[in-house]
Amino acid sequence: MKEKPEKLIQQIIEMCTQPGDLVLDTCAGSMTTAIAAINCGRNFICFEKNREIYSVGKSRVEEHMKEVENANKQRSSDVEPEQ
């Protein structure tokens, strides 16, 4: 399995779509495109026919989504309320 460079995929997504758009990856592999879509604020649909590879990719996406959620919580708690 050859993983695509995430930064490159992210740049392509940003150039070709708008925030909130849907990104489709029909050969998702380790779900690099899904992670790049999350980073760009896009929705995604991914297909992977190999169950083992899908399982690894799904775990990556779930972990990445938790990291993004935690980072967002941290940012919102770092913002001091206006007085």
Protein backbone atom coordinates (compact mmCIF):
# COMPACT_ATOMS: atom_id res chain seq x y z
CA MET A 1 0.00 0.00 0.00
CA LYS A 2 1.45 3.37 -1.00
CA GLU A 3 0.29 6.33 1.05
CA LYS A 4 -0.28 9.58 -0.81
CA PRO A 5 1.47 12.69 0.52
CA GLU A 6 -1.09 14.39 2.75
CA LYS A 7 0.10 17.97 2.11
CA LEU A 8 -0.19 17.47 -1.66
CA ILE A 9 -3.71 16.05 -1.38
CA GLN A 10 -4.64 18.92 0.92
CA GLN A 11 -3.41 21.48 -1.64
CA ILE A 12 -5.40 19.81 -4.43
CA ILE A 13 -8.54 19.75 -2.29
CA GLU A 14 -8.13 23.44 -1.40
CA MET A 15 -7.61 24.42 -5.05
CA CYS A 16 -10.52 22.39 -6.43
CA THR A 17 -13.22 22.68 -3.75
CA GLN A 18 -14.83 25.10 -1.32
CA PRO A 19 -15.25 24.60 2.44
CA GLY A 20 -18.19 22.29 3.08
CA ASP A 21 -17.92 20.60 -0.34
CA LEU A 22 -17.85 16.82 -0.70
CA VAL A 23 -14.63 14.98 -1.63
CA LEU A 24 -14.90 11.45 -3.07
CA ASP A 25 -12.08 8.90 -2.94
CA THR A 26 -12.96 5.59 -4.59
CA CYS A 27 -9.63 3.92 -3.71
CA ALA A 28 -9.17 5.26 -0.20
CA GLY A 29 -6.47 2.96 1.13
CA SER A 30 -5.22 4.41 4.41
CA MET A 31 -7.69 7.33 4.13
CA THR A 32 -5.13 10.08 3.54
CA THR A 33 -7.65 11.93 1.36
CA ALA A 34 -10.25 11.81 4.15
CA ILE A 35 -7.76 13.27 6.63
CA ALA A 36 -6.80 16.00 4.16
CA ALA A 37 -10.50 16.75 3.60
CA ILE A 38 -11.05 17.07 7.36
CA ASN A 39 -8.10 19.47 7.58
CA CYS A 40 -9.61 21.59 4.78
CA GLY A 41 -13.12 21.70 6.25
CA ARG A 42 -14.58 19.45 3.56
CA ASN A 43 -16.89 16.46 3.86
CA PHE A 44 -15.74 13.15 2.42
CA ILE A 45 -16.91 9.78 1.16
CA CYS A 46 -14.29 7.05 0.85
CA PHE A 47 -14.46 3.54 -0.58
CA GLU A 48 -11.97 0.76 0.08
CA LYS A 49 -12.68 -2.84 -0.95
CA ASN A 50 -9.96 -4.45 1.18
CA ARG A 51 -11.44 -4.86 4.69
CA GLU A 52 -8.07 -4.96 6.43
CA ILE A 53 -6.86 -1.76 4.78
CA TYR A 54 -10.27 -0.15 5.40
CA SER A 55 -9.99 -0.99 9.10
CA VAL A 56 -6.57 0.65 9.37
CA GLY A 57 -7.78 3.71 7.46
CA LYS A 58 -10.94 4.01 9.53
CA SER A 59 -8.87 3.96 12.72
CA ARG A 60 -6.63 6.71 11.32
CA VAL A 61 -9.65 8.91 10.51
CA GLU A 62 -11.23 8.32 13.92
CA GLU A 63 -7.98 9.18 15.70
CA HIS A 64 -7.47 12.27 13.54
CA MET A 65 -11.01 13.47 14.22
CA LYS A 66 -10.38 13.13 17.98
CA GLU A 67 -7.15 15.11 17.65
CA VAL A 68 -8.93 17.88 15.71
CA GLU A 69 -11.75 17.96 18.26
CA ASN A 70 -9.29 18.19 21.15
CA ALA A 71 -7.33 20.94 19.41
CA ASN A 72 -10.55 22.89 18.83
CA LYS A 73 -11.51 22.51 22.50
CA GLN A 74 -8.06 23.69 23.55
CA ARG A 75 -8.28 26.73 21.27
CA SER A 76 -11.71 27.67 22.57
CA SER A 77 -10.54 27.39 26.19
CA ASP A 78 -7.46 29.51 25.40
CA VAL A 79 -9.65 32.41 24.26
CA GLU A 80 -10.19 34.78 27.12
CA PRO A 81 -13.69 36.22 27.44
CA GLU A 82 -14.07 39.89 26.59
CA GLN A 83 -14.88 42.21 29.47
